[in-house]
N, C-alpha and C. Protein backbone atom coordinates (compact mmCIF):
# COMPACT_ATOMS: atom_id res chain seq x y z
N MET A 1 0.83 -1.21 0.00
CA MET A 1 0.00 0.00 0.00
C MET A 1 0.87 1.26 0.00
N LYS A 2 1.96 1.22 0.74
CA LYS A 2 2.85 2.39 0.82
C LYS A 2 3.33 2.80 -0.57
N GLU A 3 3.73 1.79 -1.35
CA GLU A 3 4.22 2.04 -2.71
C GLU A 3 3.12 2.64 -3.59
N LYS A 4 1.90 2.13 -3.43
CA LYS A 4 0.76 2.64 -4.22
C LYS A 4 0.47 4.10 -3.87
N ILE A 5 0.57 4.42 -2.59
CA ILE A 5 0.34 5.81 -2.15
C ILE A 5 1.38 6.73 -2.77
N VAL A 6 2.64 6.30 -2.74
CA VAL A 6 3.73 7.11 -3.31
C VAL A 6 3.52 7.31 -4.82
N GLU A 7 3.16 6.23 -5.51
CA GLU A 7 2.94 6.30 -6.97
C GLU A 7 1.82 7.29 -7.31
N LYS A 8 0.70 7.18 -6.60
CA LYS A 8 -0.45 8.06 -6.87
C LYS A 8 -0.13 9.50 -6.47
N ALA A 9 0.54 9.68 -5.32
CA ALA A 9 0.93 11.03 -4.88
C ALA A 9 1.87 11.66 -5.90
N ASN A 10 2.80 10.88 -6.39
CA ASN A 10 3.75 11.35 -7.39
C ASN A 10 3.01 11.87 -8.63
N ASP A 11 2.06 11.09 -9.10
CA ASP A 11 1.28 11.46 -10.27
C ASP A 11 0.49 12.75 -10.03
N MET A 12 -0.14 12.84 -8.87
CA MET A 12 -0.96 14.02 -8.55
C MET A 12 -0.11 15.26 -8.30
N PHE A 13 1.00 15.10 -7.57
CA PHE A 13 1.88 16.23 -7.30
C PHE A 13 2.43 16.82 -8.61
N LEU A 14 2.83 15.96 -9.53
CA LEU A 14 3.40 16.44 -10.79
C LEU A 14 2.33 17.09 -11.68
N SER A 15 1.09 16.64 -11.53
CA SER A 15 0.01 17.21 -12.35
C SER A 15 -0.52 18.53 -11.79
N PHE A 16 -0.63 18.59 -10.45
CA PHE A 16 -1.30 19.75 -9.84
C PHE A 16 -0.44 20.58 -8.91
N GLY A 17 0.68 20.05 -8.45
CA GLY A 17 1.56 20.80 -7.56
C GLY A 17 1.59 20.21 -6.16
N PHE A 18 2.72 20.39 -5.49
CA PHE A 18 2.93 19.81 -4.15
C PHE A 18 2.07 20.48 -3.09
N LYS A 19 1.81 21.77 -3.25
CA LYS A 19 0.97 22.49 -2.28
C LYS A 19 -0.51 22.26 -2.58
N SER A 20 -0.85 22.23 -3.87
CA SER A 20 -2.25 22.16 -4.29
C SER A 20 -2.94 20.87 -3.88
N VAL A 21 -2.22 19.75 -3.92
CA VAL A 21 -2.81 18.45 -3.59
C VAL A 21 -2.81 18.24 -2.07
N THR A 22 -4.00 18.01 -1.52
CA THR A 22 -4.11 17.78 -0.08
C THR A 22 -4.16 16.28 0.21
N MET A 23 -4.02 15.93 1.47
CA MET A 23 -4.13 14.53 1.87
C MET A 23 -5.56 14.02 1.61
N ASP A 24 -6.54 14.92 1.75
CA ASP A 24 -7.94 14.56 1.44
C ASP A 24 -8.09 14.22 -0.05
N ASP A 25 -7.47 15.05 -0.91
CA ASP A 25 -7.52 14.80 -2.36
C ASP A 25 -6.95 13.43 -2.69
N LEU A 26 -5.80 13.13 -2.09
CA LEU A 26 -5.12 11.86 -2.35
C LEU A 26 -5.97 10.68 -1.88
N ALA A 27 -6.51 10.79 -0.66
CA ALA A 27 -7.34 9.71 -0.11
C ALA A 27 -8.57 9.48 -0.99
N SER A 28 -9.20 10.58 -1.39
CA SER A 28 -10.40 10.50 -2.24
C SER A 28 -10.08 9.86 -3.58
N GLU A 29 -8.98 10.28 -4.19
CA GLU A 29 -8.56 9.75 -5.50
C GLU A 29 -8.26 8.25 -5.42
N MET A 30 -7.70 7.82 -4.30
CA MET A 30 -7.33 6.41 -4.14
C MET A 30 -8.46 5.55 -3.58
N GLY A 31 -9.52 6.21 -3.08
CA GLY A 31 -10.63 5.47 -2.49
C GLY A 31 -10.25 4.82 -1.16
N ILE A 32 -9.38 5.51 -0.42
CA ILE A 32 -8.97 5.01 0.90
C ILE A 32 -9.18 6.12 1.93
N SER A 33 -9.01 5.81 3.20
CA SER A 33 -9.17 6.83 4.23
C SER A 33 -7.83 7.56 4.44
N LYS A 34 -7.95 8.77 4.98
CA LYS A 34 -6.73 9.52 5.32
C LYS A 34 -5.92 8.77 6.37
N LYS A 35 -6.62 8.06 7.21
CA LYS A 35 -5.99 7.30 8.28
C LYS A 35 -5.00 6.28 7.69
N THR A 36 -5.39 5.68 6.56
CA THR A 36 -4.51 4.70 5.90
C THR A 36 -3.22 5.38 5.43
N ILE A 37 -3.35 6.59 4.89
CA ILE A 37 -2.16 7.33 4.43
C ILE A 37 -1.27 7.66 5.64
N TYR A 38 -1.91 8.14 6.72
CA TYR A 38 -1.13 8.52 7.90
C TYR A 38 -0.50 7.32 8.61
N ALA A 39 -1.01 6.14 8.33
CA ALA A 39 -0.40 4.93 8.90
C ALA A 39 0.98 4.69 8.29
N HIS A 40 1.18 5.20 7.07
CA HIS A 40 2.46 5.02 6.37
C HIS A 40 3.33 6.28 6.39
N PHE A 41 2.66 7.45 6.46
CA PHE A 41 3.39 8.73 6.43
C PHE A 41 2.89 9.63 7.56
N GLN A 42 3.81 10.00 8.42
CA GLN A 42 3.49 10.79 9.62
C GLN A 42 2.76 12.10 9.26
N ASN A 43 3.18 12.74 8.18
CA ASN A 43 2.55 13.99 7.74
C ASN A 43 2.82 14.19 6.24
N LYS A 44 2.30 15.27 5.71
CA LYS A 44 2.43 15.51 4.27
C LYS A 44 3.90 15.73 3.87
N THR A 45 4.65 16.38 4.72
CA THR A 45 6.07 16.62 4.43
C THR A 45 6.81 15.30 4.20
N LYS A 46 6.50 14.31 5.04
CA LYS A 46 7.14 12.98 4.90
C LYS A 46 6.72 12.33 3.58
N LEU A 47 5.48 12.55 3.19
CA LEU A 47 4.99 12.00 1.92
C LEU A 47 5.68 12.68 0.74
N VAL A 48 5.81 14.00 0.82
CA VAL A 48 6.50 14.74 -0.25
C VAL A 48 7.94 14.27 -0.36
N GLU A 49 8.58 14.08 0.78
CA GLU A 49 9.97 13.60 0.82
C GLU A 49 10.09 12.23 0.14
N ALA A 50 9.19 11.32 0.51
CA ALA A 50 9.21 9.97 -0.06
C ALA A 50 8.93 10.00 -1.57
N THR A 51 8.01 10.87 -1.96
CA THR A 51 7.63 10.97 -3.37
C THR A 51 8.77 11.51 -4.23
N THR A 52 9.42 12.56 -3.76
CA THR A 52 10.53 13.14 -4.54
C THR A 52 11.70 12.17 -4.61
N HIS A 53 11.93 11.43 -3.53
CA HIS A 53 13.01 10.42 -3.53
C HIS A 53 12.69 9.31 -4.53
N HIS A 54 11.44 8.88 -4.52
CA HIS A 54 10.98 7.82 -5.44
C HIS A 54 11.18 8.26 -6.90
N LEU A 55 10.76 9.49 -7.20
CA LEU A 55 10.88 10.01 -8.56
C LEU A 55 12.35 10.16 -8.97
N PHE A 56 13.17 10.65 -8.04
CA PHE A 56 14.60 10.80 -8.30
C PHE A 56 15.22 9.44 -8.66
N CYS A 57 14.90 8.42 -7.88
CA CYS A 57 15.45 7.07 -8.11
C CYS A 57 14.98 6.51 -9.45
N LYS A 58 13.71 6.74 -9.77
CA LYS A 58 13.13 6.25 -11.02
C LYS A 58 13.84 6.89 -12.23
N ILE A 59 14.05 8.20 -12.15
CA ILE A 59 14.72 8.92 -13.24
C ILE A 59 16.19 8.50 -13.32
N ASN A 60 16.82 8.36 -12.17
CA ASN A 60 18.22 7.94 -12.11
C ASN A 60 18.40 6.57 -12.77
N ASP A 61 17.50 5.62 -12.44
CA ASP A 61 17.56 4.27 -13.04
C ASP A 61 17.38 4.34 -14.55
N GLY A 62 16.45 5.19 -14.99
CA GLY A 62 16.20 5.33 -16.42
C GLY A 62 17.39 5.91 -17.16
N ILE A 63 18.04 6.91 -16.55
CA ILE A 63 19.23 7.52 -17.15
C ILE A 63 20.35 6.50 -17.23
N ASN A 64 20.52 5.72 -16.16
CA ASN A 64 21.56 4.68 -16.16
C ASN A 64 21.32 3.65 -17.26
N ALA A 65 20.05 3.33 -17.50
CA ALA A 65 19.71 2.38 -18.57
C ALA A 65 20.08 2.96 -19.93
N ILE A 66 19.84 4.26 -20.12
CA ILE A 66 20.20 4.92 -21.38
C ILE A 66 21.71 4.95 -21.54
N LEU A 67 22.43 5.25 -20.45
CA LEU A 67 23.90 5.27 -20.50
C LEU A 67 24.45 3.89 -20.87
N GLY A 68 23.74 2.85 -20.43
CA GLY A 68 24.17 1.48 -20.71
C GLY A 68 24.00 1.08 -22.17
N GLU A 69 23.26 1.89 -22.94
CA GLU A 69 23.03 1.57 -24.35
C GLU A 69 24.21 1.98 -25.24
N SER A 70 25.16 2.70 -24.66
CA SER A 70 26.35 3.16 -25.41
C SER A 70 25.99 3.88 -26.71
N LEU A 71 25.08 4.83 -26.60
CA LEU A 71 24.69 5.62 -27.78
C LEU A 71 25.78 6.63 -28.12
N ASP A 72 25.68 7.20 -29.31
CA ASP A 72 26.53 8.34 -29.66
C ASP A 72 26.27 9.43 -28.62
N PRO A 73 27.30 10.17 -28.16
CA PRO A 73 27.10 11.17 -27.10
C PRO A 73 25.99 12.19 -27.37
N ILE A 74 25.82 12.60 -28.62
CA ILE A 74 24.77 13.58 -28.94
C ILE A 74 23.40 12.92 -28.88
N GLU A 75 23.29 11.73 -29.43
CA GLU A 75 22.02 10.98 -29.36
C GLU A 75 21.65 10.70 -27.91
N GLU A 76 22.65 10.42 -27.10
CA GLU A 76 22.44 10.13 -25.68
C GLU A 76 21.79 11.32 -24.97
N LEU A 77 22.27 12.52 -25.25
CA LEU A 77 21.71 13.72 -24.63
C LEU A 77 20.23 13.88 -24.98
N TYR A 78 19.89 13.62 -26.24
CA TYR A 78 18.49 13.72 -26.67
C TYR A 78 17.63 12.63 -26.02
N ALA A 79 18.18 11.42 -25.91
CA ALA A 79 17.44 10.31 -25.30
C ALA A 79 17.15 10.61 -23.83
N ILE A 80 18.14 11.16 -23.13
CA ILE A 80 17.95 11.50 -21.70
C ILE A 80 16.91 12.60 -21.56
N LYS A 81 17.00 13.62 -22.40
CA LYS A 81 16.04 14.74 -22.33
C LYS A 81 14.61 14.22 -22.54
N THR A 82 14.42 13.36 -23.53
CA THR A 82 13.09 12.80 -23.83
C THR A 82 12.57 11.99 -22.66
N PHE A 83 13.44 11.16 -22.08
CA PHE A 83 13.06 10.31 -20.95
C PHE A 83 12.65 11.16 -19.74
N VAL A 84 13.47 12.16 -19.41
CA VAL A 84 13.20 13.00 -18.24
C VAL A 84 11.91 13.80 -18.44
N MET A 85 11.72 14.36 -19.63
CA MET A 85 10.51 15.13 -19.92
C MET A 85 9.26 14.27 -19.73
N HIS A 86 9.34 13.02 -20.18
CA HIS A 86 8.19 12.10 -20.07
C HIS A 86 7.87 11.84 -18.60
N HIS A 87 8.89 11.60 -17.78
CA HIS A 87 8.66 11.27 -16.37
C HIS A 87 8.32 12.48 -15.51
N LEU A 88 8.64 13.67 -15.99
CA LEU A 88 8.29 14.87 -15.23
C LEU A 88 7.07 15.56 -15.84
N LYS A 89 6.33 14.79 -16.64
CA LYS A 89 5.12 15.33 -17.29
C LYS A 89 5.42 16.63 -18.02
N ASN A 90 6.44 16.57 -18.88
CA ASN A 90 6.87 17.73 -19.68
C ASN A 90 7.32 18.93 -18.86
N GLU A 91 7.91 18.62 -17.70
CA GLU A 91 8.53 19.67 -16.87
C GLU A 91 7.57 20.81 -16.53
N LYS A 92 6.38 20.46 -16.09
CA LYS A 92 5.48 21.52 -15.62
C LYS A 92 6.19 22.23 -14.47
N THR A 93 6.16 23.53 -14.46
CA THR A 93 6.95 24.24 -13.44
C THR A 93 6.18 24.53 -12.16
N ALA A 94 4.85 24.47 -12.18
CA ALA A 94 4.08 24.73 -10.95
C ALA A 94 4.50 23.78 -9.82
N PRO A 95 4.60 22.47 -10.07
CA PRO A 95 5.03 21.58 -8.99
C PRO A 95 6.41 21.94 -8.45
N LEU A 96 7.34 22.22 -9.36
CA LEU A 96 8.71 22.55 -8.95
C LEU A 96 8.74 23.84 -8.13
N HIS A 97 7.98 24.84 -8.60
CA HIS A 97 7.91 26.13 -7.90
C HIS A 97 7.32 25.94 -6.49
N GLN A 98 6.26 25.12 -6.40
CA GLN A 98 5.63 24.88 -5.10
C GLN A 98 6.56 24.10 -4.18
N LEU A 99 7.30 23.15 -4.74
CA LEU A 99 8.25 22.39 -3.93
C LEU A 99 9.31 23.33 -3.34
N GLU A 100 9.82 24.23 -4.17
CA GLU A 100 10.85 25.18 -3.72
C GLU A 100 10.31 26.15 -2.66
N LYS A 101 9.07 26.60 -2.87
CA LYS A 101 8.48 27.60 -1.98
C LYS A 101 8.01 27.01 -0.64
N TYR A 102 7.35 25.86 -0.69
CA TYR A 102 6.73 25.31 0.52
C TYR A 102 7.54 24.20 1.20
N TYR A 103 8.46 23.60 0.45
CA TYR A 103 9.31 22.54 1.03
C TYR A 103 10.77 22.81 0.65
N PRO A 104 11.33 23.97 1.10
CA PRO A 104 12.67 24.38 0.66
C PRO A 104 13.79 23.38 1.00
N LYS A 105 13.69 22.74 2.16
CA LYS A 105 14.74 21.76 2.54
C LYS A 105 14.74 20.57 1.59
N ILE A 106 13.55 20.07 1.28
CA ILE A 106 13.43 18.93 0.37
C ILE A 106 13.92 19.34 -1.02
N HIS A 107 13.53 20.53 -1.45
CA HIS A 107 13.94 21.04 -2.76
C HIS A 107 15.46 21.15 -2.86
N GLN A 108 16.08 21.69 -1.82
CA GLN A 108 17.53 21.88 -1.82
C GLN A 108 18.26 20.54 -1.83
N GLY A 109 17.75 19.59 -1.05
CA GLY A 109 18.35 18.25 -1.01
C GLY A 109 18.25 17.56 -2.36
N LEU A 110 17.10 17.71 -2.99
CA LEU A 110 16.87 17.12 -4.32
C LEU A 110 17.81 17.74 -5.35
N LYS A 111 17.96 19.05 -5.28
CA LYS A 111 18.83 19.75 -6.23
C LYS A 111 20.28 19.30 -6.09
N SER A 112 20.72 19.11 -4.85
CA SER A 112 22.09 18.65 -4.61
C SER A 112 22.31 17.25 -5.18
N LYS A 113 21.32 16.35 -4.97
CA LYS A 113 21.43 15.00 -5.52
C LYS A 113 21.40 15.02 -7.05
N GLN A 114 20.54 15.90 -7.60
CA GLN A 114 20.45 16.03 -9.06
C GLN A 114 21.79 16.46 -9.63
N PHE A 115 22.44 17.42 -8.95
CA PHE A 115 23.72 17.92 -9.45
C PHE A 115 24.76 16.82 -9.49
N GLU A 116 24.82 16.01 -8.43
CA GLU A 116 25.80 14.91 -8.39
C GLU A 116 25.63 13.96 -9.56
N VAL A 117 24.39 13.54 -9.79
CA VAL A 117 24.10 12.60 -10.89
C VAL A 117 24.35 13.28 -12.24
N PHE A 118 23.85 14.49 -12.36
CA PHE A 118 23.97 15.27 -13.60
C PHE A 118 25.44 15.47 -13.95
N GLN A 119 26.22 15.85 -12.95
CA GLN A 119 27.63 16.13 -13.16
C GLN A 119 28.37 14.91 -13.70
N ASP A 120 28.19 13.77 -13.04
CA ASP A 120 28.84 12.52 -13.48
C ASP A 120 28.44 12.18 -14.91
N CYS A 121 27.16 12.27 -15.16
CA CYS A 121 26.60 11.91 -16.47
C CYS A 121 27.14 12.83 -17.57
N VAL A 122 27.10 14.14 -17.34
CA VAL A 122 27.52 15.11 -18.36
C VAL A 122 29.03 15.08 -18.58
N VAL A 123 29.80 14.96 -17.50
CA VAL A 123 31.26 14.90 -17.63
C VAL A 123 31.65 13.68 -18.48
N ASP A 124 31.02 12.55 -18.19
CA ASP A 124 31.29 11.33 -18.96
C ASP A 124 30.90 11.53 -20.43
N ASN A 125 29.74 12.15 -20.64
CA ASN A 125 29.25 12.41 -22.00
C ASN A 125 30.23 13.30 -22.77
N LEU A 126 30.71 14.34 -22.12
CA LEU A 126 31.64 15.28 -22.77
C LEU A 126 32.96 14.59 -23.11
N LYS A 127 33.46 13.78 -22.18
CA LYS A 127 34.73 13.07 -22.43
C LYS A 127 34.61 12.11 -23.61
N ARG A 128 33.50 11.37 -23.64
CA ARG A 128 33.30 10.43 -24.76
C ARG A 128 33.11 11.18 -26.07
N GLY A 129 32.42 12.32 -25.99
CA GLY A 129 32.22 13.13 -27.20
C GLY A 129 33.53 13.64 -27.78
N ILE A 130 34.45 14.02 -26.89
CA ILE A 130 35.78 14.47 -27.33
C ILE A 130 36.53 13.29 -27.95
N ASP A 131 36.49 12.13 -27.28
CA ASP A 131 37.18 10.93 -27.79
C ASP A 131 36.66 10.52 -29.16
N LYS A 132 35.35 10.69 -29.37
CA LYS A 132 34.76 10.28 -30.64
C LYS A 132 34.85 11.36 -31.72
N GLY A 133 35.38 12.52 -31.32
CA GLY A 133 35.57 13.59 -32.31
C GLY A 133 34.31 14.39 -32.63
N VAL A 134 33.25 14.25 -31.77
CA VAL A 134 32.02 15.02 -32.03
C VAL A 134 31.98 16.31 -31.20
N PHE A 135 32.78 16.37 -30.11
CA PHE A 135 32.92 17.59 -29.33
C PHE A 135 34.36 18.08 -29.45
N ARG A 136 34.53 19.40 -29.39
CA ARG A 136 35.85 20.00 -29.54
C ARG A 136 36.80 19.58 -28.42
N LYS A 137 38.06 19.39 -28.77
CA LYS A 137 39.08 18.95 -27.80
C LYS A 137 39.41 20.03 -26.76
N ASN A 138 39.22 21.31 -27.13
CA ASN A 138 39.68 22.39 -26.25
C ASN A 138 38.62 22.90 -25.28
N ILE A 139 37.50 22.18 -25.12
CA ILE A 139 36.47 22.68 -24.18
C ILE A 139 36.89 22.39 -22.74
N ASP A 140 36.45 23.25 -21.83
CA ASP A 140 36.71 23.08 -20.40
C ASP A 140 35.54 22.26 -19.83
N ILE A 141 35.79 20.98 -19.61
CA ILE A 141 34.73 20.05 -19.21
C ILE A 141 34.04 20.46 -17.91
N GLU A 142 34.80 20.86 -16.91
CA GLU A 142 34.21 21.25 -15.63
C GLU A 142 33.30 22.46 -15.78
N PHE A 143 33.75 23.43 -16.57
CA PHE A 143 32.95 24.65 -16.80
C PHE A 143 31.67 24.31 -17.57
N ILE A 144 31.81 23.58 -18.68
CA ILE A 144 30.67 23.26 -19.54
C ILE A 144 29.62 22.45 -18.76
N SER A 145 30.05 21.47 -17.98
CA SER A 145 29.10 20.63 -17.25
C SER A 145 28.30 21.45 -16.23
N ARG A 146 28.98 22.40 -15.58
CA ARG A 146 28.29 23.23 -14.58
C ARG A 146 27.37 24.26 -15.23
N ILE A 147 27.82 24.87 -16.30
CA ILE A 147 27.01 25.90 -16.96
C ILE A 147 25.78 25.25 -17.59
N TYR A 148 25.93 24.00 -18.04
CA TYR A 148 24.79 23.26 -18.61
C TYR A 148 23.75 22.97 -17.52
N PHE A 149 24.22 22.58 -16.33
CA PHE A 149 23.31 22.31 -15.20
C PHE A 149 22.57 23.60 -14.81
N ILE A 150 23.30 24.70 -14.69
CA ILE A 150 22.69 25.98 -14.32
C ILE A 150 21.64 26.38 -15.36
N GLY A 151 21.97 26.16 -16.63
CA GLY A 151 21.05 26.51 -17.71
C GLY A 151 19.78 25.68 -17.69
N THR A 152 19.91 24.37 -17.47
CA THR A 152 18.72 23.50 -17.46
C THR A 152 17.78 23.89 -16.31
N ASN A 153 18.34 24.41 -15.23
CA ASN A 153 17.49 24.89 -14.13
C ASN A 153 17.00 26.31 -14.39
N GLY A 154 17.87 27.13 -14.98
CA GLY A 154 17.53 28.53 -15.25
C GLY A 154 16.37 28.71 -16.22
N ILE A 155 16.26 27.83 -17.20
CA ILE A 155 15.17 27.99 -18.18
C ILE A 155 13.80 27.62 -17.60
N LYS A 156 13.80 27.11 -16.36
CA LYS A 156 12.52 26.81 -15.71
C LYS A 156 11.92 28.05 -15.04
N ASP A 157 12.67 29.15 -15.04
CA ASP A 157 12.20 30.40 -14.44
C ASP A 157 11.13 31.01 -15.35
N LYS A 158 9.88 30.98 -14.89
CA LYS A 158 8.76 31.43 -15.73
C LYS A 158 8.70 32.95 -15.88
N ASN A 159 9.41 33.68 -15.03
CA ASN A 159 9.48 35.14 -15.22
C ASN A 159 10.33 35.46 -16.45
N MET A 160 11.39 34.67 -16.62
CA MET A 160 12.28 34.87 -17.77
C MET A 160 11.76 34.18 -19.03
N PHE A 161 11.13 33.02 -18.84
CA PHE A 161 10.67 32.22 -19.97
C PHE A 161 9.19 31.85 -19.81
N PRO A 162 8.29 32.85 -19.98
CA PRO A 162 6.85 32.55 -19.81
C PRO A 162 6.36 31.54 -20.85
N ASP A 163 5.46 30.64 -20.40
CA ASP A 163 4.96 29.56 -21.25
C ASP A 163 4.36 30.03 -22.57
N GLN A 164 3.67 31.17 -22.54
CA GLN A 164 2.99 31.63 -23.76
C GLN A 164 3.98 32.04 -24.86
N ILE A 165 5.20 32.39 -24.47
CA ILE A 165 6.23 32.73 -25.46
C ILE A 165 7.17 31.55 -25.69
N PHE A 166 7.44 30.80 -24.62
CA PHE A 166 8.39 29.68 -24.69
C PHE A 166 7.73 28.38 -24.24
N PRO A 167 7.02 27.67 -25.13
CA PRO A 167 6.44 26.37 -24.73
C PRO A 167 7.56 25.46 -24.22
N VAL A 168 7.28 24.73 -23.12
CA VAL A 168 8.31 23.97 -22.41
C VAL A 168 9.09 23.01 -23.31
N ALA A 169 8.37 22.21 -24.11
CA ALA A 169 9.05 21.20 -24.95
C ALA A 169 10.02 21.87 -25.93
N LYS A 170 9.58 22.97 -26.55
CA LYS A 170 10.43 23.68 -27.51
C LYS A 170 11.62 24.33 -26.79
N LEU A 171 11.36 24.87 -25.62
CA LEU A 171 12.42 25.51 -24.83
C LEU A 171 13.52 24.51 -24.49
N MET A 172 13.12 23.31 -24.09
CA MET A 172 14.10 22.27 -23.76
C MET A 172 14.91 21.86 -25.00
N ASP A 173 14.21 21.73 -26.12
CA ASP A 173 14.89 21.40 -27.38
C ASP A 173 15.88 22.49 -27.78
N ASP A 174 15.42 23.74 -27.71
CA ASP A 174 16.27 24.87 -28.10
C ASP A 174 17.50 24.97 -27.21
N TYR A 175 17.31 24.73 -25.89
CA TYR A 175 18.45 24.83 -24.98
C TYR A 175 19.46 23.72 -25.23
N LEU A 176 18.97 22.51 -25.48
CA LEU A 176 19.88 21.40 -25.74
C LEU A 176 20.66 21.64 -27.03
N GLU A 177 19.96 22.15 -28.05
CA GLU A 177 20.63 22.46 -29.32
C GLU A 177 21.70 23.54 -29.11
N TYR A 178 21.34 24.55 -28.32
CA TYR A 178 22.27 25.64 -28.00
C TYR A 178 23.54 25.10 -27.32
N HIS A 179 23.32 24.19 -26.33
CA HIS A 179 24.44 23.56 -25.61
C HIS A 179 25.35 22.79 -26.57
N ILE A 180 24.74 21.96 -27.41
CA ILE A 180 25.52 21.11 -28.30
C ILE A 180 26.26 21.94 -29.36
N LEU A 181 25.57 22.92 -29.93
CA LEU A 181 26.22 23.75 -30.97
C LEU A 181 27.46 24.47 -30.45
N GLY A 182 27.45 24.79 -29.16
CA GLY A 182 28.60 25.50 -28.58
C GLY A 182 29.84 24.64 -28.42
N ILE A 183 29.70 23.32 -28.53
CA ILE A 183 30.85 22.44 -28.25
C ILE A 183 31.16 21.45 -29.37
N THR A 184 30.34 21.44 -30.43
CA THR A 184 30.53 20.40 -31.46
C THR A 184 31.63 20.71 -32.48
N THR A 185 32.11 19.64 -33.06
CA THR A 185 32.99 19.71 -34.24
C THR A 185 32.07 19.61 -35.46
N GLU A 186 32.66 19.66 -36.66
CA GLU A 186 31.87 19.49 -37.89
C GLU A 186 31.16 18.13 -37.88
N LYS A 187 31.90 17.12 -37.46
CA LYS A 187 31.34 15.75 -37.38
C LYS A 187 30.11 15.73 -36.46
N GLY A 188 30.23 16.38 -35.30
CA GLY A 188 29.14 16.43 -34.35
C GLY A 188 27.95 17.20 -34.89
N ARG A 189 28.23 18.27 -35.63
CA ARG A 189 27.16 19.10 -36.20
C ARG A 189 26.32 18.31 -37.21
N THR A 190 26.98 17.43 -37.93
CA THR A 190 26.27 16.59 -38.91
C THR A 190 25.29 15.68 -38.18
N ILE A 191 25.74 15.08 -37.07
CA ILE A 191 24.88 14.19 -36.27
C ILE A 191 23.71 15.00 -35.69
N LEU A 192 24.01 16.20 -35.18
CA LEU A 192 22.99 17.06 -34.60
C LEU A 192 21.94 17.44 -35.64
N ASN A 193 22.39 17.84 -36.83
CA ASN A 193 21.46 18.23 -37.90
C ASN A 193 20.54 17.09 -38.30
N ASN A 194 21.09 15.87 -38.33
CA ASN A 194 20.27 14.69 -38.66
C ASN A 194 19.24 14.42 -37.58
N LEU A 195 19.63 14.61 -36.32
CA LEU A 195 18.68 14.40 -35.21
C LEU A 195 17.56 15.44 -35.24
N ILE A 196 17.92 16.69 -35.57
CA ILE A 196 16.92 17.76 -35.63
C ILE A 196 15.92 17.49 -36.75
N LYS A 197 16.43 16.99 -37.89
CA LYS A 197 15.53 16.67 -39.02
C LYS A 197 14.54 15.58 -38.63
N GLU A 198 15.02 14.61 -37.85
CA GLU A 198 14.15 13.51 -37.42
C GLU A 198 13.08 13.99 -36.47
């Protein structure tokens, strides 16, 4: 039952926001009593904590599976972006904004864990890209990996990138293309152009 509660809470939080969904909403949606939820989670904060951890692990496992496919480094970046967008329901920002505002400790902990995973993944991707001749040899890997992480978080700022001007899916595509174009060789650009056409 605990796993089912986390799965349903995860779905509802990502659709409507961490603050917007109440324990009553969750109980009603699942057809169970609030008492059943509280038997597994002391309070809503504990449920949010468990839900974000569950989602983080799910995405981490999915990224590791993609890394295990040994794709071309540029194709790999697109595969990861597609996978993450699917699991975060196209990166709706209301849930993320609510998590940051109402559960700052959980948000900060999640961001730190995301950076660790992201950093390892991107550094490895950049090194392989250089080895394969699709990324330039003279790039500063530590700088690029960090600026890419900051950018992927920065474009979620709705004051800077309002949805009506920057639809989320297109914004993610444009940012990834921007990142890759800044570091590719001619060989890499050919792969990128083919992926964009597809």
